[in-house]
Amino acid sequence: MKRSPRLVRLVLAALALALSGIALATPAWAHAELVSSTPASGTRLEAPPRSVQLTFTESVDLVAGGLRLLDGSGRTLATPEPVASGRTVTWPMPPSLGRGAYVVTWRVVSSDGHPVDGAFTFGVGAAPAALPDTVGAASSGRSSTAPAYVVLARLGGYLALTAIAGVVAFLLWCAGGARHDPALQRMARAGIAGGAVFALASLLAQGPYAAGRPLADLLDPPLVRDTLGTPFGLATVWRIALYGVLAALAWRLPAVTSRVRRRLVPVVIAGVAVTIAASGHGAASGSPVELAVVSVHALTGAVWVGGLVVLVLVGRSVERRALLDFSRLAMASVLALVATGLLNSIQHVHAVEQLFLTRYGLLLSAKLALVATALGAAAVSRRQLGRSRSPLLSVRAEALLTVSVLAVTAVLGTTTPPPTVAASTLGPRPGATSALNANRQVTVSLGDGRSAVLAVLPATTRGSTLRVLVSTADGAPAAVRRVALKLANPSRGVGAIPVPLTARGTFWEARYTFPLSGTWKATLTVEDPSQRAVVAAGDLEVSP
């Protein structure tokens, strides 16, 4: 079978350009992460602050009631409305704040539509208190995976794009004579109508998801209004509009092959892929290059999977020439799909072990395994085609595998990747145990040049020794009155668990058995001799 070297060269050149753009771009985050707060966590102030300021790794949007100020008794205080501007949230404080400890709990929405939350403390004329257990359990900072209704809406959107993209690509590049096939007509209309319906469902479901409210509130006007004001809402509205354009252009499938529509329809379908990327991880960094990479990934995946489904529907009636044309189209799509998938993985996974120790990594590994198996089935199809045999059986297997890939992708797209801010502190310091070993350590900043290191020896579910060392800016042991540790595993539904620590000279120690493997959030409260407390948190990976 003759390949198209020119097409392959063009695809590889475009991917090389995208790779160079990403290499020169700033690091990307998949969800917003808190970089700093003013006042800093654990700060003791002599006068009430005029405002609280939160700075994130990317632009964020507010949700109704997302920021709360609690006093020392846990009572919510009345405050002015916060204002979000890009990566910064400014929250005016009431001037009547009295002496005492206060807790700030926050919940915002990332550019990709996913909510993140957290909490920190400060004091006015008094030492800040440790986070209450109720706050520590509820404000984990990173929810692992979206609710099932969000995942299903996203999966429906992928399937709809796959249906219309696969039919149009097959007609325009492989077999224009199949435009009168009733099965393809139904598939195209299902893609158009289903795409609009699932986009509307995603738009309405986003409000309760972002605000942490029950699904029954999906028609709540303030929630809908808040969603429409976010990048996610804007991208989803554009997707609904583009499906309306597709309905006008491609509802009658034979019209797609006309001179004008054969140019317009692919452009509109590409626009739908861009809106899907813009309402997900592709919008996280705000980089046009990353948005383009994710868009190409979605579009080429839809063409490949949708084309396979078309082959299954038309069965043995398809001509050999059409099979050869689709084989070349599928080859170009797979090249782009694998390359852009690799670029996405490089952006979101920072260490090899994260492929096996985080939920995001495990899902990504499962997706890669399914894609590799589908490529094996594709190789069988190409061999059968080269021998002038029908590849229908292997095509069916390939179609089933690729649809499974879409299902995993829907979950992956709503799953929090490994943290970027915390990832810089997860690796061992010079002289520490290798990352390939079972030992782990987390380093967190306490302000004023001080830092705390939590070492977990080993980081497994078979029993561990936990050691906390607090150091000054020059590396000497810092004077510490008390250290408190809480461990939580939000992705597995485990709230904050207090772990009693015992002073051992210059460090604090405890024995603890992690009940589950995965990503654990460690929250340290360090109190100095003046009873000034600082709360800091970091993530660590625990192996089985």
Protein backbone atom coordinates (compact mmCIF):
# COMPACT_ATOMS: atom_id res chain seq x y z
CA MET A 1 0.00 0.00 0.00
CA LYS A 2 1.39 3.41 -0.96
CA ARG A 3 1.79 5.94 1.80
CA SER A 4 1.72 9.70 1.53
CA PRO A 5 5.23 10.94 2.51
CA ARG A 6 4.27 14.57 1.93
CA LEU A 7 1.29 14.29 4.32
CA VAL A 8 3.44 12.59 6.94
CA ARG A 9 6.13 15.28 6.62
CA LEU A 10 3.55 18.04 7.04
CA VAL A 11 2.11 16.41 10.16
CA LEU A 12 5.57 15.89 11.67
CA ALA A 13 6.57 19.48 10.87
CA ALA A 14 3.46 20.85 12.56
CA LEU A 15 4.07 18.71 15.62
CA ALA A 16 7.72 19.81 15.78
CA LEU A 17 6.54 23.43 15.71
CA ALA A 18 4.07 22.73 18.53
CA LEU A 19 6.77 20.98 20.57
CA SER A 20 9.16 23.91 20.19
CA GLY A 21 6.39 26.30 21.23
CA ILE A 22 5.67 24.32 24.36
CA ALA A 23 9.36 24.01 25.16
CA LEU A 24 9.69 27.80 25.05
CA ALA A 25 6.43 28.46 26.86
CA THR A 26 6.03 28.91 30.59
CA PRO A 27 5.11 25.83 32.64
CA ALA A 28 1.46 24.81 32.48
CA TRP A 29 -0.90 23.85 35.26
CA ALA A 30 -3.96 21.69 34.74
CA HIS A 31 -5.87 23.18 37.66
CA ALA A 32 -5.25 26.40 39.60
CA GLU A 33 -3.03 26.11 42.65
CA LEU A 34 -2.58 28.66 45.40
CA VAL A 35 0.86 30.30 45.16
CA SER A 36 0.64 32.76 48.05
CA SER A 37 -1.71 34.62 50.34
CA THR A 38 -1.59 38.00 52.04
CA PRO A 39 -1.52 37.73 54.99
CA ALA A 40 0.51 34.53 54.75
CA SER A 41 -0.79 31.45 56.48
CA GLY A 42 0.05 31.52 60.19
CA THR A 43 0.78 35.26 60.31
CA ARG A 44 0.14 37.19 63.51
CA LEU A 45 -1.00 40.75 62.78
CA GLU A 46 -1.14 43.61 65.24
CA ALA A 47 -4.01 45.31 63.39
CA PRO A 48 -6.86 43.93 61.28
CA PRO A 49 -5.95 43.56 57.58
CA ARG A 50 -7.75 45.80 55.13
CA SER A 51 -8.02 42.90 52.70
CA VAL A 52 -7.00 39.31 52.06
CA GLN A 53 -5.30 38.58 48.76
CA LEU A 54 -4.92 35.15 47.14
CA THR A 55 -2.60 34.57 44.17
CA PHE A 56 -2.95 31.44 42.01
CA THR A 57 -0.98 29.82 39.21
CA GLU A 58 -3.62 30.76 36.63
CA SER A 59 -6.70 32.90 36.21
CA VAL A 60 -9.60 31.89 38.43
CA ASP A 61 -13.29 32.71 38.73
CA LEU A 62 -15.32 33.10 41.91
CA VAL A 63 -18.31 31.02 42.95
CA ALA A 64 -21.14 32.25 45.14
CA GLY A 65 -20.20 31.83 48.79
CA GLY A 66 -16.81 30.41 47.81
CA LEU A 67 -14.83 32.50 50.30
CA ARG A 68 -15.66 32.42 54.02
CA LEU A 69 -14.06 33.99 57.07
CA LEU A 70 -14.42 32.03 60.32
CA ASP A 71 -13.60 33.24 63.80
CA GLY A 72 -11.93 31.15 66.49
CA SER A 73 -15.21 29.44 67.38
CA GLY A 74 -15.88 28.40 63.77
CA ARG A 75 -18.63 31.00 63.21
CA THR A 76 -18.88 32.49 59.69
CA LEU A 77 -18.47 36.29 59.70
CA ALA A 78 -20.14 38.75 57.34
CA THR A 79 -17.67 40.21 54.83
CA PRO A 80 -17.75 42.35 51.67
CA GLU A 81 -17.76 40.58 48.30
CA PRO A 82 -14.37 39.45 46.92
CA VAL A 83 -13.13 40.48 43.46
CA ALA A 84 -11.20 38.26 41.06
CA SER A 85 -8.79 39.80 38.54
CA GLY A 86 -6.78 37.28 36.57
CA ARG A 87 -4.69 35.17 38.94
CA THR A 88 -5.45 37.35 41.96
CA VAL A 89 -8.47 37.41 44.28
CA THR A 90 -8.80 40.48 46.52
CA TRP A 91 -11.20 40.22 49.44
CA PRO A 92 -11.92 43.35 51.55
CA MET A 93 -12.08 42.64 55.27
CA PRO A 94 -14.56 44.20 57.70
CA PRO A 95 -12.85 46.93 59.78
CA SER A 96 -14.48 45.58 62.93
CA LEU A 97 -12.30 42.46 63.18
CA GLY A 98 -11.34 42.07 66.81
CA ARG A 99 -8.47 40.37 68.54
CA GLY A 100 -8.38 36.62 67.88
CA ALA A 101 -7.64 33.82 65.43
CA TYR A 102 -9.32 33.59 62.03
CA VAL A 103 -9.64 30.94 59.34
CA VAL A 104 -10.06 31.70 55.62
CA THR A 105 -11.68 28.96 53.53
CA TRP A 106 -11.71 29.44 49.76
CA ARG A 107 -13.20 27.74 46.72
CA VAL A 108 -12.59 29.06 43.19
CA VAL A 109 -12.86 27.72 39.65
CA SER A 110 -9.84 27.16 37.38
CA SER A 111 -9.71 28.32 33.78
CA ASP A 112 -10.46 24.73 32.74
CA GLY A 113 -13.73 24.73 34.72
CA HIS A 114 -12.56 22.61 37.67
CA PRO A 115 -13.08 23.87 41.24
CA VAL A 116 -10.24 23.91 43.76
CA ASP A 117 -10.42 24.79 47.44
CA GLY A 118 -8.31 25.21 50.55
CA ALA A 119 -7.92 27.07 53.84
CA PHE A 120 -5.37 29.00 55.89
CA THR A 121 -5.23 30.90 59.18
CA PHE A 122 -4.06 34.25 60.54
CA GLY A 123 -4.37 36.07 63.85
CA VAL A 124 -5.07 39.65 64.92
CA GLY A 125 -3.25 40.46 68.13
CA ALA A 126 -3.17 36.75 68.89
CA ALA A 127 -1.52 33.58 67.65
CA PRO A 128 -3.30 31.90 64.71
CA ALA A 129 -5.01 28.65 65.57
CA ALA A 130 -4.59 25.35 63.79
CA LEU A 131 -7.17 24.49 61.16
CA PRO A 132 -10.29 22.99 62.77
CA ASP A 133 -10.88 19.33 61.93
CA THR A 134 -14.08 20.20 60.07
CA VAL A 135 -12.21 22.63 57.83
CA GLY A 136 -9.28 20.28 57.28
CA ALA A 137 -11.59 17.49 56.18
CA ALA A 138 -13.65 19.65 53.86
CA SER A 139 -10.90 21.83 52.38
CA SER A 140 -8.45 19.42 50.92
CA GLY A 141 -7.33 21.84 48.22
CA ARG A 142 -7.61 19.39 45.34
CA SER A 143 -10.57 17.20 44.45
CA SER A 144 -9.35 14.23 42.41
CA THR A 145 -12.18 13.50 39.97
CA ALA A 146 -15.39 15.29 39.01
CA PRO A 147 -18.80 13.78 39.86
CA ALA A 148 -20.22 11.11 37.58
CA TYR A 149 -22.70 13.50 35.92
CA VAL A 150 -19.85 15.80 34.83
CA VAL A 151 -17.86 12.86 33.44
CA LEU A 152 -20.91 11.53 31.55
CA ALA A 153 -21.63 14.93 30.02
CA ARG A 154 -18.02 15.18 28.87
CA LEU A 155 -18.10 11.64 27.45
CA GLY A 156 -21.30 12.47 25.57
CA GLY A 157 -19.56 15.51 24.09
CA TYR A 158 -16.62 13.38 22.92
CA LEU A 159 -18.92 10.79 21.35
CA ALA A 160 -20.94 13.48 19.56
CA LEU A 161 -17.82 15.06 18.07
CA THR A 162 -16.59 11.59 17.10
CA ALA A 163 -19.84 10.83 15.27
CA ILE A 164 -20.00 13.95 13.11
CA ALA A 165 -16.23 14.22 12.53
CA GLY A 166 -15.94 10.56 11.53
CA VAL A 167 -18.82 10.72 9.04
CA VAL A 168 -17.68 13.98 7.42
CA ALA A 169 -14.04 12.89 7.18
CA PHE A 170 -15.04 9.58 5.61
CA LEU A 171 -17.31 11.25 3.04
CA LEU A 172 -14.91 14.02 2.03
CA TRP A 173 -11.66 12.06 1.93
CA CYS A 174 -12.62 8.42 1.42
CA ALA A 175 -16.04 7.65 -0.07
CA GLY A 176 -18.22 10.53 -1.19
CA GLY A 177 -20.67 8.06 -2.71
CA ALA A 178 -21.69 6.91 0.76
CA ARG A 179 -23.44 10.23 1.45
CA HIS A 180 -26.84 8.62 0.76
CA ASP A 181 -26.29 5.78 3.25
CA PRO A 182 -29.13 6.03 5.84
CA ALA A 183 -26.92 4.66 8.65
CA LEU A 184 -24.39 7.44 8.13
CA GLN A 185 -27.20 10.00 7.94
CA ARG A 186 -28.45 8.86 11.36
CA MET A 187 -24.94 8.86 12.80
CA ALA A 188 -24.28 12.42 11.60
CA ARG A 189 -27.58 13.72 12.96
CA ALA A 190 -27.01 11.95 16.27
CA GLY A 191 -23.64 13.68 16.50
CA ILE A 192 -25.09 17.12 15.78
CA ALA A 193 -28.11 16.84 18.05
CA GLY A 194 -26.23 14.95 20.77
CA GLY A 195 -23.40 17.47 20.70
CA ALA A 196 -25.78 20.35 21.36
CA VAL A 197 -27.65 18.45 24.09
CA PHE A 198 -24.51 17.33 25.91
CA ALA A 199 -22.99 20.79 25.66
CA LEU A 200 -26.12 22.25 27.27
CA ALA A 201 -25.99 19.53 29.95
CA SER A 202 -22.35 20.40 30.68
CA LEU A 203 -23.23 24.09 30.93
CA LEU A 204 -26.03 23.48 33.45
CA ALA A 205 -24.10 20.87 35.46
CA GLN A 206 -21.08 23.15 35.83
CA GLY A 207 -22.85 25.45 38.31
CA PRO A 208 -23.54 22.83 41.03
CA TYR A 209 -20.15 21.20 40.40
CA ALA A 210 -18.19 24.44 40.75
CA ALA A 211 -20.13 25.67 43.79
CA GLY A 212 -20.19 22.30 45.56
CA ARG A 213 -23.98 22.25 45.47
CA PRO A 214 -26.33 19.30 44.73
CA LEU A 215 -27.21 18.51 41.12
CA ALA A 216 -30.83 19.49 41.85
CA ASP A 217 -29.65 23.13 41.73
CA LEU A 218 -28.56 22.94 38.06
CA LEU A 219 -31.31 25.38 37.00
CA ASP A 220 -30.56 27.87 39.79
CA PRO A 221 -30.34 31.26 37.97
CA PRO A 222 -27.36 32.65 39.96
CA LEU A 223 -25.36 29.46 39.30
CA VAL A 224 -26.16 29.58 35.57
CA ARG A 225 -25.22 33.26 35.47
CA ASP A 226 -21.91 32.58 37.25
CA THR A 227 -21.11 29.76 34.80
CA LEU A 228 -21.84 31.94 31.76
CA GLY A 229 -19.30 34.46 33.06
CA THR A 230 -16.42 31.94 33.07
CA PRO A 231 -14.14 30.80 30.20
CA PHE A 232 -15.75 27.36 30.52
CA GLY A 233 -19.22 28.86 30.04
CA LEU A 234 -18.12 30.99 27.08
CA ALA A 235 -16.48 28.03 25.34
CA THR A 236 -19.54 25.83 25.92
CA VAL A 237 -21.94 28.47 24.57
CA TRP A 238 -19.77 28.72 21.45
CA ARG A 239 -19.93 24.93 21.10
CA ILE A 240 -23.74 24.99 21.19
CA ALA A 241 -23.73 27.75 18.56
CA LEU A 242 -21.35 25.81 16.30
CA TYR A 243 -23.57 22.74 16.50
CA GLY A 244 -26.40 25.00 15.36
CA VAL A 245 -24.28 25.97 12.35
CA LEU A 246 -23.57 22.29 11.66
CA ALA A 247 -27.29 21.56 11.77
CA ALA A 248 -27.82 24.18 9.06
CA LEU A 249 -24.93 22.92 6.93
CA ALA A 250 -24.88 19.14 7.42
CA TRP A 251 -28.30 17.96 8.62
CA ARG A 252 -28.87 16.65 5.07
CA LEU A 253 -25.72 14.64 4.56
CA PRO A 254 -25.61 14.75 0.73
CA ALA A 255 -25.27 18.54 0.91
CA VAL A 256 -21.93 18.22 2.72
CA THR A 257 -20.14 17.28 -0.50
CA SER A 258 -21.16 20.49 -2.30
CA ARG A 259 -18.37 22.87 -3.31
CA VAL A 260 -18.92 25.42 -0.52
CA ARG A 261 -19.99 23.15 2.33
CA ARG A 262 -17.13 20.68 1.87
CA ARG A 263 -14.87 23.57 2.96
CA LEU A 264 -17.08 25.10 5.62
CA VAL A 265 -18.15 21.95 7.50
CA PRO A 266 -14.61 20.76 8.40
CA VAL A 267 -13.77 24.26 9.68
CA VAL A 268 -16.85 24.27 11.92
CA ILE A 269 -16.03 20.78 13.23
CA ALA A 270 -12.48 21.95 14.01
CA GLY A 271 -14.07 24.87 15.88
CA VAL A 272 -16.07 22.41 17.99
CA ALA A 273 -12.81 20.64 18.89
CA VAL A 274 -11.32 23.98 19.94
CA THR A 275 -14.29 24.72 22.22
CA ILE A 276 -13.92 21.30 23.86
CA ALA A 277 -10.23 22.01 24.48
CA ALA A 278 -11.03 25.52 25.72
CA SER A 279 -13.46 24.14 28.31
CA GLY A 280 -10.91 21.65 29.66
CA HIS A 281 -7.20 21.23 30.34
CA GLY A 282 -6.31 23.05 27.12
CA ALA A 283 -7.33 26.34 28.71
CA ALA A 284 -5.39 25.86 31.95
CA SER A 285 -2.21 27.77 31.11
CA GLY A 286 -3.78 30.33 28.78
CA SER A 287 -1.18 29.41 26.14
CA PRO A 288 -2.50 29.37 22.54
CA VAL A 289 0.05 26.66 21.74
CA GLU A 290 -1.28 24.33 24.43
CA LEU A 291 -4.85 25.07 23.34
CA ALA A 292 -3.89 24.17 19.76
CA VAL A 293 -2.21 20.94 20.87
CA VAL A 294 -5.25 19.78 22.86
CA SER A 295 -7.58 20.81 20.02
CA VAL A 296 -5.60 18.77 17.48
CA HIS A 297 -5.59 15.85 19.93
CA ALA A 298 -9.38 15.96 20.25
CA LEU A 299 -10.01 16.45 16.52
CA THR A 300 -7.66 13.73 15.24
CA GLY A 301 -8.94 11.29 17.85
CA ALA A 302 -12.51 11.99 16.73
CA VAL A 303 -11.61 11.47 13.06
CA TRP A 304 -9.86 8.16 13.78
CA VAL A 305 -12.49 6.72 16.13
CA GLY A 306 -15.44 8.07 14.13
CA GLY A 307 -14.02 6.73 10.89
CA LEU A 308 -13.69 3.27 12.43
CA VAL A 309 -17.32 3.37 13.55
CA VAL A 310 -18.31 4.36 10.00
CA LEU A 311 -16.44 1.34 8.62
CA VAL A 312 -18.30 -0.90 11.05
CA LEU A 313 -21.64 0.59 9.96
CA VAL A 314 -21.08 0.35 6.21
CA GLY A 315 -19.59 -3.13 6.57
CA ARG A 316 -18.47 -5.02 3.48
CA SER A 317 -20.18 -2.60 1.10
CA VAL A 318 -17.26 -0.18 1.26
CA GLU A 319 -14.92 -0.25 -1.74
CA ARG A 320 -11.26 -1.22 -1.48
CA ARG A 321 -10.16 2.23 -2.70
CA ALA A 322 -12.14 3.85 0.15
CA LEU A 323 -10.43 1.52 2.62
CA LEU A 324 -7.02 2.53 1.29
CA ASP A 325 -7.92 6.22 1.51
CA PHE A 326 -9.15 5.78 5.08
CA SER A 327 -5.99 3.89 5.98
CA ARG A 328 -3.90 6.91 4.94
CA LEU A 329 -6.23 9.30 6.76
CA ALA A 330 -6.13 7.14 9.89
CA MET A 331 -2.32 6.99 9.74
CA ALA A 332 -2.04 10.78 9.71
CA SER A 333 -4.63 11.07 12.50
CA VAL A 334 -2.85 8.52 14.68
CA LEU A 335 0.51 10.24 14.19
CA ALA A 336 -0.96 13.54 15.35
CA LEU A 337 -2.96 11.88 18.13
CA VAL A 338 0.01 10.05 19.64
CA ALA A 339 2.36 13.01 19.35
CA THR A 340 -0.06 15.52 20.89
CA GLY A 341 -0.92 13.00 23.61
CA LEU A 342 2.78 12.71 24.40
CA LEU A 343 3.07 16.49 24.62
CA ASN A 344 0.09 16.64 26.99
CA SER A 345 1.63 13.92 29.18
CA ILE A 346 4.94 15.80 29.38
CA GLN A 347 3.06 18.91 30.48
CA HIS A 348 1.09 17.23 33.27
CA VAL A 349 3.24 14.38 34.59
CA HIS A 350 6.47 15.46 36.29
CA ALA A 351 7.98 12.12 37.32
CA VAL A 352 7.74 8.55 36.05
CA GLU A 353 6.43 7.24 39.36
CA GLN A 354 3.41 9.55 39.06
CA LEU A 355 2.17 7.27 36.27
CA PHE A 356 1.70 4.52 38.86
CA LEU A 357 1.14 6.34 42.17
CA THR A 358 -1.51 8.93 41.25
CA ARG A 359 -5.04 8.53 40.00
CA TYR A 360 -4.28 10.75 37.02
CA GLY A 361 -1.19 8.68 36.21
CA LEU A 362 -3.07 5.38 36.44
CA LEU A 363 -5.80 6.66 34.12
CA LEU A 364 -3.20 7.97 31.70
CA SER A 365 -1.40 4.61 31.78
CA ALA A 366 -4.69 2.82 31.07
CA LYS A 367 -5.36 5.16 28.14
CA LEU A 368 -1.88 4.55 26.74
CA ALA A 369 -2.35 0.78 27.04
CA LEU A 370 -5.69 0.94 25.21
CA VAL A 371 -4.25 3.13 22.46
CA ALA A 372 -1.30 0.74 22.05
CA THR A 373 -3.70 -2.21 21.77
CA ALA A 374 -5.84 -0.31 19.25
CA LEU A 375 -2.73 0.42 17.20
CA GLY A 376 -1.99 -3.29 17.22
CA ALA A 377 -5.45 -3.96 15.83
CA ALA A 378 -4.86 -1.21 13.25
CA ALA A 379 -1.65 -2.92 12.16
CA VAL A 380 -3.60 -6.14 11.64
CA SER A 381 -6.18 -4.24 9.54
CA ARG A 382 -3.46 -2.73 7.36
CA ARG A 383 -1.85 -6.15 6.85
CA GLN A 384 -5.19 -7.66 5.90
CA LEU A 385 -5.85 -4.81 3.50
CA GLY A 386 -2.41 -5.24 1.92
CA ARG A 387 -3.24 -8.89 1.29
CA SER A 388 -6.55 -7.93 -0.38
CA ARG A 389 -8.52 -9.42 2.51
CA SER A 390 -11.41 -7.86 4.41
CA PRO A 391 -10.21 -6.17 7.63
CA LEU A 392 -13.75 -5.92 9.04
CA LEU A 393 -13.13 -8.10 12.10
CA SER A 394 -10.00 -6.25 13.21
CA VAL A 395 -11.69 -2.92 12.44
CA ARG A 396 -14.51 -3.83 14.81
CA ALA A 397 -11.99 -4.65 17.54
CA GLU A 398 -10.17 -1.38 16.82
CA ALA A 399 -13.42 0.59 17.01
CA LEU A 400 -14.35 -1.00 20.34
CA LEU A 401 -10.92 -0.25 21.79
CA THR A 402 -10.93 3.37 20.64
CA VAL A 403 -14.40 3.99 22.07
CA SER A 404 -13.00 2.65 25.36
CA VAL A 405 -10.20 5.19 25.00
CA LEU A 406 -12.84 7.95 24.79
CA ALA A 407 -14.43 6.70 28.02
CA VAL A 408 -11.10 6.80 29.85
CA THR A 409 -10.37 10.21 28.34
CA ALA A 410 -13.65 11.58 29.71
CA VAL A 411 -12.59 10.58 33.23
CA LEU A 412 -9.01 11.74 32.66
CA GLY A 413 -10.17 15.15 31.47
CA THR A 414 -11.97 15.76 34.77
CA THR A 415 -9.23 14.34 37.00
CA THR A 416 -6.70 16.51 38.79
CA PRO A 417 -3.17 15.94 37.46
CA PRO A 418 -0.27 15.69 39.95
CA PRO A 419 0.32 19.08 41.60
CA THR A 420 2.84 21.41 39.97
CA VAL A 421 3.56 23.75 42.86
CA ALA A 422 3.97 20.91 45.31
CA ALA A 423 5.89 18.83 42.80
CA SER A 424 8.86 21.15 43.07
CA THR A 425 9.21 20.20 46.72
CA LEU A 426 8.51 16.50 46.42
CA GLY A 427 11.90 15.41 45.15
CA PRO A 428 14.70 14.44 47.52
CA ARG A 429 17.22 17.02 48.61
CA PRO A 430 20.91 16.39 47.94
CA GLY A 431 21.95 13.45 50.04
CA ALA A 432 18.39 12.25 50.57
CA THR A 433 17.01 8.89 49.49
CA SER A 434 16.54 8.42 45.74
CA ALA A 435 13.02 8.93 44.32
CA LEU A 436 13.19 5.37 43.05
CA ASN A 437 13.36 4.22 46.68
CA ALA A 438 10.25 3.82 48.82
CA ASN A 439 11.20 6.80 51.04
CA ARG A 440 9.53 10.16 50.40
CA GLN A 441 9.86 13.66 51.78
CA VAL A 442 7.86 16.86 51.51
CA THR A 443 9.42 20.29 52.01
CA VAL A 444 7.14 23.24 52.82
CA SER A 445 7.92 26.88 53.42
CA LEU A 446 6.99 28.40 56.79
CA GLY A 447 7.91 31.99 55.92
CA ASP A 448 10.79 34.11 57.28
CA GLY A 449 13.21 31.74 55.57
CA ARG A 450 12.14 28.78 57.69
CA SER A 451 11.11 25.45 56.22
CA ALA A 452 9.79 22.12 57.45
CA VAL A 453 10.71 18.74 55.99
CA LEU A 454 8.39 15.77 56.50
CA ALA A 455 10.23 12.51 55.81
CA VAL A 456 8.21 9.30 55.38
CA LEU A 457 10.34 6.18 55.85
CA PRO A 458 9.21 4.21 53.89
CA ALA A 459 6.19 5.74 52.11
CA THR A 460 4.18 2.52 51.90
CA THR A 461 1.04 1.06 53.44
CA ARG A 462 3.13 -1.45 55.42
CA GLY A 463 4.00 0.95 58.23
CA SER A 464 6.08 4.15 58.20
CA THR A 465 8.19 6.35 60.43
CA LEU A 466 7.26 10.03 60.06
CA ARG A 467 9.89 12.63 60.96
CA VAL A 468 9.49 16.40 60.88
CA LEU A 469 12.52 18.70 60.94
CA VAL A 470 12.06 22.48 61.12
CA SER A 471 15.04 24.53 59.93
CA THR A 472 16.04 28.18 59.82
CA ALA A 473 17.19 29.97 56.67
CA ASP A 474 20.81 28.86 57.25
CA GLY A 475 19.81 25.21 57.75
CA ALA A 476 20.09 25.11 61.55
CA PRO A 477 17.30 23.50 63.62
CA ALA A 478 14.65 26.09 64.46
CA ALA A 479 13.19 26.61 67.91
CA VAL A 480 9.76 24.96 67.92
CA ARG A 481 7.21 24.76 70.71
CA ARG A 482 4.76 22.36 69.03
CA VAL A 483 4.27 20.54 65.72
CA ALA A 484 0.91 19.09 64.67
CA LEU A 485 0.38 16.85 61.65
CA LYS A 486 -2.81 15.92 59.80
CA LEU A 487 -3.01 13.51 56.87
CA ALA A 488 -5.83 13.32 54.32
CA ASN A 489 -6.47 11.44 51.09
CA PRO A 490 -9.23 13.42 49.31
CA SER A 491 -9.31 11.20 46.22
CA ARG A 492 -10.14 8.17 48.39
CA GLY A 493 -12.63 10.03 50.61
CA VAL A 494 -10.34 10.12 53.68
CA GLY A 495 -10.60 13.37 55.66
CA ALA A 496 -7.96 14.93 57.89
CA ILE A 497 -6.48 12.37 60.34
CA PRO A 498 -4.48 13.85 63.28
CA VAL A 499 -1.13 12.07 63.77
CA PRO A 500 0.40 12.68 67.26
CA LEU A 501 4.10 13.60 67.05
CA THR A 502 6.72 13.17 69.78
CA ALA A 503 9.73 15.50 70.17
CA ARG A 504 13.05 13.69 69.59
CA GLY A 505 15.73 16.30 70.19
CA THR A 506 15.95 18.37 67.00
CA PHE A 507 13.06 16.65 65.19
CA TRP A 508 9.54 15.31 65.79
CA GLU A 509 8.60 11.69 65.11
CA ALA A 510 5.65 9.30 64.90
CA ARG A 511 4.85 5.79 63.71
CA TYR A 512 1.93 5.61 61.33
CA THR A 513 0.43 3.05 58.95
CA PHE A 514 -1.20 4.55 55.86
CA PRO A 515 -4.48 2.71 55.28
CA LEU A 516 -4.45 3.38 51.51
CA SER A 517 -1.93 4.08 48.76
CA GLY A 518 -2.11 7.14 46.52
CA THR A 519 -1.70 10.89 46.97
CA TRP A 520 -1.87 12.03 50.60
CA LYS A 521 -2.08 15.66 51.72
CA ALA A 522 0.09 16.44 54.74
CA THR A 523 -0.88 19.57 56.73
CA LEU A 524 1.70 20.78 59.25
CA THR A 525 1.01 23.30 62.00
CA VAL A 526 4.27 24.61 63.46
CA GLU A 527 4.15 26.78 66.59
CA ASP A 528 7.25 28.70 67.73
CA PRO A 529 8.09 29.63 71.38
CA SER A 530 6.06 32.86 71.03
CA GLN A 531 3.01 30.73 70.18
CA ARG A 532 2.98 32.00 66.61
CA ALA A 533 1.56 29.19 64.47
CA VAL A 534 2.14 28.62 60.78
CA VAL A 535 0.05 26.18 58.72
CA ALA A 536 1.53 24.70 55.54
CA ALA A 537 0.65 21.73 53.36
CA GLY A 538 2.20 19.48 50.73
CA ASP A 539 1.41 16.28 48.85
CA LEU A 540 3.24 12.96 49.01
CA GLU A 541 2.86 9.65 47.20
CA VAL A 542 2.32 6.45 49.19
CA SER A 543 2.97 3.09 47.54
CA PRO A 544 1.12 -0.15 48.37
